[in-house]
Amino acid sequence: APVGQNFSFNLDEAATLTVALANGLLSNASDDDTGDTLTAVGVSQPQFGSLTLSGDGSFSYQHDGSENHSDSFTFQVRDSDGALSALHTVTLTIAAVADAPIAMDDSATTDEDTAVSVNLVDNDTDAEGDLVA
């Protein structure tokens, strides 16, 4: 049966990771049967992004931009006789990127010649929960 390995990759939040053939999921795969062609077969999909996996082991992963900073998917190596390797995991570590705060419109009404006080950031939010000032 073919033999593969687990992999780990890093990327930024909301970014795309593209892994070429040379560093792909078959880069260290092997098979005892000389001459067999090896293919990467996806088993499970990542939870917080989309995956495009090619049979040659190259792949592209697009993180969904959420605040989830770890993701993974699994694959097996298949040889040309149909034999499958053990299940292997690709672990993706996603570095947090500071998101801009969201400013909401503000309004106030007052009588003529009467001052009004408005907290301009009271209804504004930040995805990471940081203080908006």
N, C-alpha and C. Protein backbone atom coordinates (compact mmCIF):
# COMPACT_ATOMS: atom_id res chain seq x y z
N ALA A 1 0.84 -1.19 0.00
CA ALA A 1 0.00 0.00 0.00
C ALA A 1 0.88 1.25 0.00
N PRO A 2 0.40 2.32 -0.56
CA PRO A 2 1.18 3.57 -0.56
C PRO A 2 1.31 4.14 0.86
N VAL A 3 2.30 5.00 1.02
CA VAL A 3 2.56 5.64 2.31
C VAL A 3 2.63 7.14 2.09
N GLY A 4 1.95 7.89 2.93
CA GLY A 4 1.99 9.36 2.87
C GLY A 4 2.40 9.91 4.21
N GLN A 5 2.12 11.17 4.44
CA GLN A 5 2.45 11.79 5.72
C GLN A 5 1.50 12.94 6.02
N ASN A 6 1.49 13.37 7.29
CA ASN A 6 0.74 14.55 7.71
C ASN A 6 1.51 15.80 7.30
N PHE A 7 0.80 16.90 7.15
CA PHE A 7 1.42 18.18 6.78
C PHE A 7 0.87 19.29 7.66
N SER A 8 1.65 20.36 7.81
CA SER A 8 1.22 21.58 8.49
C SER A 8 1.60 22.78 7.64
N PHE A 9 0.69 23.73 7.53
CA PHE A 9 0.92 24.95 6.76
C PHE A 9 0.39 26.14 7.55
N ASN A 10 0.93 27.32 7.26
CA ASN A 10 0.52 28.57 7.91
C ASN A 10 0.03 29.55 6.85
N LEU A 11 -0.97 30.35 7.22
CA LEU A 11 -1.46 31.41 6.34
C LEU A 11 -2.14 32.47 7.19
N ASP A 12 -2.41 33.61 6.59
CA ASP A 12 -3.11 34.70 7.27
C ASP A 12 -4.62 34.53 7.15
N GLU A 13 -5.33 35.06 8.12
CA GLU A 13 -6.78 35.09 8.10
C GLU A 13 -7.28 35.70 6.79
N ALA A 14 -8.27 35.06 6.17
CA ALA A 14 -8.90 35.49 4.92
C ALA A 14 -7.99 35.37 3.71
N ALA A 15 -6.84 34.74 3.85
CA ALA A 15 -5.89 34.60 2.74
C ALA A 15 -6.09 33.27 2.01
N THR A 16 -5.42 33.17 0.86
CA THR A 16 -5.40 31.94 0.09
C THR A 16 -4.01 31.33 0.20
N LEU A 17 -3.97 30.04 0.50
CA LEU A 17 -2.72 29.28 0.52
C LEU A 17 -2.69 28.42 -0.73
N THR A 18 -1.65 28.55 -1.53
CA THR A 18 -1.49 27.72 -2.72
C THR A 18 -0.22 26.91 -2.55
N VAL A 19 -0.35 25.60 -2.60
CA VAL A 19 0.79 24.70 -2.44
C VAL A 19 1.00 23.98 -3.76
N ALA A 20 2.18 24.18 -4.34
CA ALA A 20 2.52 23.61 -5.64
C ALA A 20 2.90 22.13 -5.50
N LEU A 21 2.98 21.47 -6.62
CA LEU A 21 3.31 20.06 -6.71
C LEU A 21 4.57 19.71 -5.91
N ALA A 22 5.62 20.51 -6.02
CA ALA A 22 6.91 20.21 -5.38
C ALA A 22 6.80 20.10 -3.86
N ASN A 23 5.88 20.86 -3.25
CA ASN A 23 5.70 20.83 -1.80
C ASN A 23 4.36 20.23 -1.41
N GLY A 24 3.70 19.61 -2.36
CA GLY A 24 2.34 19.12 -2.16
C GLY A 24 2.26 17.84 -1.35
N LEU A 25 1.06 17.31 -1.29
CA LEU A 25 0.75 16.18 -0.43
C LEU A 25 1.39 14.87 -0.88
N LEU A 26 1.91 14.83 -2.09
CA LEU A 26 2.61 13.62 -2.57
C LEU A 26 4.12 13.80 -2.57
N SER A 27 4.61 14.93 -2.06
CA SER A 27 6.04 15.24 -2.14
C SER A 27 6.91 14.22 -1.42
N ASN A 28 6.40 13.56 -0.41
CA ASN A 28 7.16 12.53 0.31
C ASN A 28 6.45 11.19 0.31
N ALA A 29 5.48 11.02 -0.56
CA ALA A 29 4.73 9.77 -0.62
C ALA A 29 5.55 8.71 -1.35
N SER A 30 5.28 7.46 -0.99
CA SER A 30 6.00 6.35 -1.64
C SER A 30 5.08 5.15 -1.75
N ASP A 31 5.54 4.17 -2.52
CA ASP A 31 4.80 2.93 -2.70
C ASP A 31 5.79 1.82 -2.98
N ASP A 32 5.56 0.65 -2.40
CA ASP A 32 6.46 -0.49 -2.61
C ASP A 32 6.40 -1.01 -4.03
N ASP A 33 5.28 -0.82 -4.70
CA ASP A 33 5.11 -1.30 -6.08
C ASP A 33 5.77 -0.33 -7.05
N THR A 34 6.88 -0.75 -7.62
CA THR A 34 7.60 0.10 -8.57
C THR A 34 6.72 0.41 -9.77
N GLY A 35 6.71 1.67 -10.16
CA GLY A 35 5.98 2.08 -11.35
C GLY A 35 4.54 2.50 -11.11
N ASP A 36 4.03 2.31 -9.90
CA ASP A 36 2.66 2.74 -9.62
C ASP A 36 2.58 4.27 -9.62
N THR A 37 1.51 4.79 -10.17
CA THR A 37 1.24 6.22 -10.12
C THR A 37 0.48 6.52 -8.84
N LEU A 38 0.90 7.56 -8.13
CA LEU A 38 0.25 7.93 -6.87
C LEU A 38 -0.67 9.13 -7.08
N THR A 39 -1.80 9.11 -6.39
CA THR A 39 -2.79 10.17 -6.48
C THR A 39 -3.24 10.57 -5.08
N ALA A 40 -3.40 11.86 -4.85
CA ALA A 40 -3.95 12.36 -3.58
C ALA A 40 -5.47 12.36 -3.68
N VAL A 41 -6.12 11.80 -2.67
CA VAL A 41 -7.57 11.69 -2.64
C VAL A 41 -8.09 12.38 -1.38
N GLY A 42 -8.90 13.42 -1.54
CA GLY A 42 -9.47 14.11 -0.39
C GLY A 42 -10.48 13.23 0.32
N VAL A 43 -10.45 13.24 1.65
CA VAL A 43 -11.39 12.46 2.45
C VAL A 43 -12.36 13.39 3.18
N SER A 44 -11.84 14.40 3.87
CA SER A 44 -12.71 15.36 4.54
C SER A 44 -12.33 16.78 4.13
N GLN A 45 -13.31 17.66 4.16
CA GLN A 45 -13.12 19.06 3.78
C GLN A 45 -12.81 19.90 5.01
N PRO A 46 -12.14 21.04 4.83
CA PRO A 46 -11.93 21.94 5.96
C PRO A 46 -13.26 22.56 6.39
N GLN A 47 -13.32 23.00 7.64
CA GLN A 47 -14.55 23.58 8.19
C GLN A 47 -14.65 25.09 7.98
N PHE A 48 -13.49 25.78 7.91
CA PHE A 48 -13.50 27.24 7.89
C PHE A 48 -12.89 27.82 6.61
N GLY A 49 -13.03 27.11 5.52
CA GLY A 49 -12.50 27.58 4.25
C GLY A 49 -12.86 26.60 3.15
N SER A 50 -12.43 26.93 1.94
CA SER A 50 -12.70 26.04 0.81
C SER A 50 -11.39 25.48 0.28
N LEU A 51 -11.45 24.23 -0.17
CA LEU A 51 -10.28 23.50 -0.62
C LEU A 51 -10.46 23.06 -2.06
N THR A 52 -9.42 23.25 -2.86
CA THR A 52 -9.36 22.67 -4.20
C THR A 52 -8.12 21.79 -4.21
N LEU A 53 -8.33 20.48 -4.25
CA LEU A 53 -7.24 19.51 -4.19
C LEU A 53 -7.09 18.83 -5.54
N SER A 54 -5.89 18.85 -6.09
CA SER A 54 -5.59 18.17 -7.35
C SER A 54 -5.04 16.79 -7.04
N GLY A 55 -5.25 15.87 -7.95
CA GLY A 55 -4.76 14.51 -7.78
C GLY A 55 -3.26 14.42 -7.64
N ASP A 56 -2.54 15.43 -8.17
CA ASP A 56 -1.07 15.41 -8.07
C ASP A 56 -0.57 15.89 -6.71
N GLY A 57 -1.48 16.20 -5.79
CA GLY A 57 -1.11 16.62 -4.44
C GLY A 57 -1.00 18.12 -4.24
N SER A 58 -1.05 18.88 -5.31
CA SER A 58 -1.08 20.34 -5.16
C SER A 58 -2.48 20.74 -4.70
N PHE A 59 -2.57 21.86 -4.01
CA PHE A 59 -3.89 22.29 -3.56
C PHE A 59 -3.91 23.79 -3.28
N SER A 60 -5.14 24.29 -3.17
CA SER A 60 -5.38 25.69 -2.82
C SER A 60 -6.44 25.70 -1.72
N TYR A 61 -6.18 26.49 -0.69
CA TYR A 61 -7.12 26.63 0.43
C TYR A 61 -7.40 28.11 0.62
N GLN A 62 -8.68 28.48 0.65
CA GLN A 62 -9.11 29.86 0.89
C GLN A 62 -9.80 29.92 2.25
N HIS A 63 -9.18 30.63 3.21
CA HIS A 63 -9.79 30.80 4.53
C HIS A 63 -11.02 31.70 4.39
N ASP A 64 -12.05 31.42 5.18
CA ASP A 64 -13.32 32.15 5.05
C ASP A 64 -13.32 33.52 5.73
N GLY A 65 -12.21 33.91 6.35
CA GLY A 65 -12.14 35.22 6.99
C GLY A 65 -12.70 35.27 8.39
N SER A 66 -13.17 34.14 8.88
CA SER A 66 -13.73 34.10 10.24
C SER A 66 -12.61 34.21 11.27
N GLU A 67 -13.02 34.30 12.52
CA GLU A 67 -12.04 34.40 13.61
C GLU A 67 -11.58 33.02 14.08
N ASN A 68 -11.81 31.99 13.27
CA ASN A 68 -11.32 30.65 13.57
C ASN A 68 -9.91 30.52 13.01
N HIS A 69 -8.95 30.21 13.90
CA HIS A 69 -7.55 30.27 13.50
C HIS A 69 -6.87 28.92 13.43
N SER A 70 -7.66 27.89 13.27
CA SER A 70 -7.12 26.56 13.03
C SER A 70 -8.12 25.81 12.16
N ASP A 71 -7.62 25.09 11.19
CA ASP A 71 -8.49 24.32 10.31
C ASP A 71 -7.72 23.08 9.88
N SER A 72 -8.39 22.14 9.28
CA SER A 72 -7.70 20.93 8.82
C SER A 72 -8.56 20.22 7.79
N PHE A 73 -7.92 19.33 7.05
CA PHE A 73 -8.62 18.41 6.17
C PHE A 73 -7.80 17.13 6.11
N THR A 74 -8.43 16.06 5.64
CA THR A 74 -7.73 14.78 5.57
C THR A 74 -7.69 14.28 4.13
N PHE A 75 -6.69 13.43 3.88
CA PHE A 75 -6.52 12.85 2.56
C PHE A 75 -5.86 11.48 2.70
N GLN A 76 -5.92 10.73 1.61
CA GLN A 76 -5.20 9.46 1.50
C GLN A 76 -4.43 9.47 0.20
N VAL A 77 -3.43 8.61 0.13
CA VAL A 77 -2.67 8.41 -1.10
C VAL A 77 -3.18 7.11 -1.72
N ARG A 78 -3.51 7.16 -3.01
CA ARG A 78 -3.98 5.97 -3.73
C ARG A 78 -2.97 5.63 -4.81
N ASP A 79 -2.66 4.33 -4.94
CA ASP A 79 -1.77 3.93 -6.04
C ASP A 79 -2.61 3.47 -7.23
N SER A 80 -1.95 3.20 -8.34
CA SER A 80 -2.68 2.86 -9.57
C SER A 80 -3.40 1.52 -9.49
N ASP A 81 -3.11 0.72 -8.46
CA ASP A 81 -3.84 -0.53 -8.24
C ASP A 81 -5.08 -0.32 -7.36
N GLY A 82 -5.27 0.91 -6.87
CA GLY A 82 -6.42 1.23 -6.03
C GLY A 82 -6.17 1.11 -4.54
N ALA A 83 -4.96 0.69 -4.16
CA ALA A 83 -4.65 0.58 -2.73
C ALA A 83 -4.55 1.97 -2.11
N LEU A 84 -5.01 2.09 -0.87
CA LEU A 84 -5.03 3.38 -0.18
C LEU A 84 -4.09 3.37 1.02
N SER A 85 -3.50 4.51 1.27
CA SER A 85 -2.66 4.70 2.46
C SER A 85 -3.55 4.88 3.68
N ALA A 86 -2.90 5.00 4.82
CA ALA A 86 -3.61 5.41 6.04
C ALA A 86 -4.13 6.84 5.83
N LEU A 87 -5.00 7.27 6.70
CA LEU A 87 -5.55 8.62 6.65
C LEU A 87 -4.50 9.61 7.15
N HIS A 88 -4.32 10.71 6.43
CA HIS A 88 -3.36 11.75 6.80
C HIS A 88 -4.09 13.08 6.97
N THR A 89 -3.58 13.90 7.88
CA THR A 89 -4.19 15.19 8.21
C THR A 89 -3.31 16.34 7.78
N VAL A 90 -3.92 17.33 7.16
CA VAL A 90 -3.25 18.60 6.86
C VAL A 90 -3.79 19.61 7.86
N THR A 91 -2.90 20.13 8.71
CA THR A 91 -3.26 21.12 9.72
C THR A 91 -2.91 22.51 9.22
N LEU A 92 -3.87 23.41 9.28
CA LEU A 92 -3.70 24.78 8.81
C LEU A 92 -3.78 25.72 10.00
N THR A 93 -2.71 26.47 10.24
CA THR A 93 -2.68 27.45 11.31
C THR A 93 -2.87 28.82 10.68
N ILE A 94 -3.93 29.51 11.10
CA ILE A 94 -4.31 30.78 10.49
C ILE A 94 -3.97 31.92 11.44
N ALA A 95 -3.09 32.82 10.99
CA ALA A 95 -2.69 33.97 11.80
C ALA A 95 -3.77 35.04 11.77
N ALA A 96 -4.12 35.54 12.94
CA ALA A 96 -5.15 36.59 13.05
C ALA A 96 -4.68 37.87 12.36
N VAL A 97 -5.61 38.52 11.71
CA VAL A 97 -5.37 39.81 11.08
C VAL A 97 -6.37 40.79 11.68
N ALA A 98 -5.88 41.92 12.14
CA ALA A 98 -6.77 42.91 12.76
C ALA A 98 -7.78 43.42 11.74
N ASP A 99 -9.06 43.26 12.06
CA ASP A 99 -10.13 43.76 11.20
C ASP A 99 -10.47 45.19 11.60
N ALA A 100 -10.79 45.99 10.63
CA ALA A 100 -11.16 47.39 10.90
C ALA A 100 -12.48 47.43 11.67
N PRO A 101 -12.62 48.37 12.60
CA PRO A 101 -13.90 48.51 13.29
C PRO A 101 -14.99 48.96 12.31
N ILE A 102 -16.22 48.72 12.70
CA ILE A 102 -17.36 49.09 11.86
C ILE A 102 -18.03 50.31 12.48
N ALA A 103 -18.01 51.41 11.76
CA ALA A 103 -18.62 52.66 12.24
C ALA A 103 -20.06 52.73 11.73
N MET A 104 -20.96 53.03 12.63
CA MET A 104 -22.37 53.18 12.29
C MET A 104 -22.72 54.67 12.25
N ASP A 105 -23.74 55.01 11.48
CA ASP A 105 -24.20 56.39 11.42
C ASP A 105 -24.76 56.82 12.78
N ASP A 106 -24.58 58.09 13.09
CA ASP A 106 -25.09 58.65 14.34
C ASP A 106 -25.99 59.84 14.01
N SER A 107 -26.98 60.07 14.86
CA SER A 107 -27.84 61.24 14.68
C SER A 107 -28.34 61.70 16.04
N ALA A 108 -28.71 62.95 16.10
CA ALA A 108 -29.26 63.52 17.34
C ALA A 108 -30.18 64.66 16.96
N THR A 109 -31.15 64.90 17.79
CA THR A 109 -32.04 66.04 17.59
C THR A 109 -32.04 66.88 18.86
N THR A 110 -32.24 68.15 18.69
CA THR A 110 -32.27 69.07 19.83
C THR A 110 -33.07 70.30 19.46
N ASP A 111 -33.49 71.00 20.45
CA ASP A 111 -34.18 72.27 20.21
C ASP A 111 -33.16 73.31 19.78
N GLU A 112 -33.62 74.30 19.05
CA GLU A 112 -32.75 75.39 18.59
C GLU A 112 -32.06 76.04 19.78
N ASP A 113 -30.77 76.33 19.60
CA ASP A 113 -29.93 76.98 20.61
C ASP A 113 -29.73 76.13 21.87
N THR A 114 -29.93 74.80 21.75
CA THR A 114 -29.72 73.89 22.88
C THR A 114 -28.64 72.88 22.49
N ALA A 115 -27.62 72.80 23.32
CA ALA A 115 -26.52 71.88 23.05
C ALA A 115 -26.98 70.43 23.21
N VAL A 116 -26.35 69.55 22.47
CA VAL A 116 -26.64 68.13 22.58
C VAL A 116 -25.31 67.38 22.67
N SER A 117 -25.29 66.34 23.43
CA SER A 117 -24.09 65.52 23.58
C SER A 117 -24.34 64.16 22.92
N VAL A 118 -23.41 63.73 22.07
CA VAL A 118 -23.55 62.47 21.35
C VAL A 118 -22.27 61.66 21.51
N ASN A 119 -22.41 60.40 21.88
CA ASN A 119 -21.25 59.50 21.92
C ASN A 119 -21.13 58.88 20.53
N LEU A 120 -20.17 59.33 19.76
CA LEU A 120 -20.06 58.94 18.35
C LEU A 120 -19.64 57.48 18.15
N VAL A 121 -19.07 56.85 19.16
CA VAL A 121 -18.61 55.47 18.98
C VAL A 121 -19.45 54.46 19.77
N ASP A 122 -20.49 54.92 20.42
CA ASP A 122 -21.30 54.05 21.27
C ASP A 122 -21.92 52.88 20.50
N ASN A 123 -22.28 53.08 19.26
CA ASN A 123 -22.92 52.03 18.46
C ASN A 123 -21.95 51.41 17.45
N ASP A 124 -20.66 51.71 17.55
CA ASP A 124 -19.66 51.14 16.65
C ASP A 124 -19.13 49.83 17.24
N THR A 125 -18.67 48.92 16.39
CA THR A 125 -18.23 47.60 16.85
C THR A 125 -16.88 47.24 16.26
N ASP A 126 -16.25 46.25 16.89
CA ASP A 126 -14.98 45.71 16.41
C ASP A 126 -15.07 44.19 16.46
N ALA A 127 -14.70 43.52 15.37
CA ALA A 127 -14.83 42.07 15.26
C ALA A 127 -14.05 41.33 16.34
N GLU A 128 -12.90 41.87 16.74
CA GLU A 128 -12.09 41.21 17.77
C GLU A 128 -12.50 41.60 19.18
N GLY A 129 -13.49 42.49 19.31
CA GLY A 129 -13.94 42.92 20.62
C GLY A 129 -13.06 44.00 21.23
N ASP A 130 -12.16 44.59 20.43
CA ASP A 130 -11.30 45.67 20.93
C ASP A 130 -12.14 46.91 21.22
N LEU A 131 -11.64 47.74 22.13
CA LEU A 131 -12.29 49.00 22.46
C LEU A 131 -12.28 49.91 21.23
N VAL A 132 -13.43 50.46 20.90
CA VAL A 132 -13.54 51.41 19.80
C VAL A 132 -13.56 52.80 20.42
N ALA A 133 -12.58 53.61 20.05
CA ALA A 133 -12.49 54.94 20.64
C ALA A 133 -12.30 55.99 19.57
